[in-house]
Amino acid sequence: MKRKDSLGYKPNEEFGLVGCSAVAINWACFRVVIFSAFDLMYHSLLSTITKSHFDD
């Protein structure tokens, strides 16, 4: 019985390593995108708070 994992890959021996490295690369890119977006939001929020604080 061949099962598909959650990403839809068929876990065969020849595709195991390729699938793992593809998932690792995708996860690394995903983390980079999330962290840079979070960093950007944090800095814009910080500058907004600082500007409104100094406006008073």
Protein backbone atom coordinates (compact mmCIF):
# COMPACT_ATOMS: atom_id res chain seq x y z
CA MET A 1 0.00 0.00 0.00
CA LYS A 2 1.50 3.29 -1.11
CA ARG A 3 0.50 6.26 0.97
CA LYS A 4 0.90 9.90 0.06
CA ASP A 5 2.24 12.20 2.72
CA SER A 6 0.66 15.55 3.52
CA LEU A 7 2.38 17.34 0.64
CA GLY A 8 1.21 14.82 -1.95
CA TYR A 9 4.61 13.24 -2.63
CA LYS A 10 4.76 9.49 -3.06
CA PRO A 11 7.51 8.44 -0.66
CA ASN A 12 9.61 6.27 -2.98
CA GLU A 13 13.31 5.69 -2.44
CA GLU A 14 14.35 7.64 -5.54
CA PHE A 15 12.13 10.61 -4.67
CA GLY A 16 12.80 10.64 -0.94
CA LEU A 17 15.95 12.73 -1.01
CA VAL A 18 14.64 15.09 -3.69
CA GLY A 19 11.39 15.61 -1.81
CA CYS A 20 13.20 16.26 1.47
CA SER A 21 15.56 18.80 -0.07
CA ALA A 22 12.68 20.52 -1.89
CA VAL A 23 10.74 20.79 1.37
CA ALA A 24 13.83 22.10 3.16
CA ILE A 25 14.45 24.74 0.46
CA ASN A 26 10.79 25.77 0.46
CA TRP A 27 10.75 26.01 4.26
CA ALA A 28 13.94 28.11 4.24
CA CYS A 29 12.49 30.49 1.63
CA PHE A 30 9.19 30.61 3.54
CA ARG A 31 11.00 31.51 6.76
CA VAL A 32 13.04 34.22 5.03
CA VAL A 33 9.88 35.75 3.52
CA ILE A 34 7.99 35.62 6.82
CA PHE A 35 10.87 37.08 8.83
CA SER A 36 11.54 39.91 6.37
CA ALA A 37 7.83 40.78 6.23
CA PHE A 38 7.67 40.71 10.03
CA ASP A 39 10.81 42.85 10.24
CA LEU A 40 9.36 45.37 7.80
CA MET A 41 6.06 45.55 9.69
CA TYR A 42 7.91 45.91 13.00
CA HIS A 43 10.07 48.76 11.72
CA SER A 44 7.16 50.63 10.13
CA LEU A 45 5.12 50.18 13.31
CA LEU A 46 8.04 51.39 15.40
CA SER A 47 8.56 54.47 13.21
CA THR A 48 4.82 55.22 13.31
CA ILE A 49 4.79 55.01 17.11
CA THR A 50 7.92 57.16 17.33
CA LYS A 51 6.50 59.80 14.95
CA SER A 52 3.17 60.02 16.77
CA HIS A 53 5.01 60.14 20.10
CA PHE A 54 7.19 63.04 18.96
CA ASP A 55 4.23 64.88 17.42
CA ASP A 56 2.78 65.64 20.84
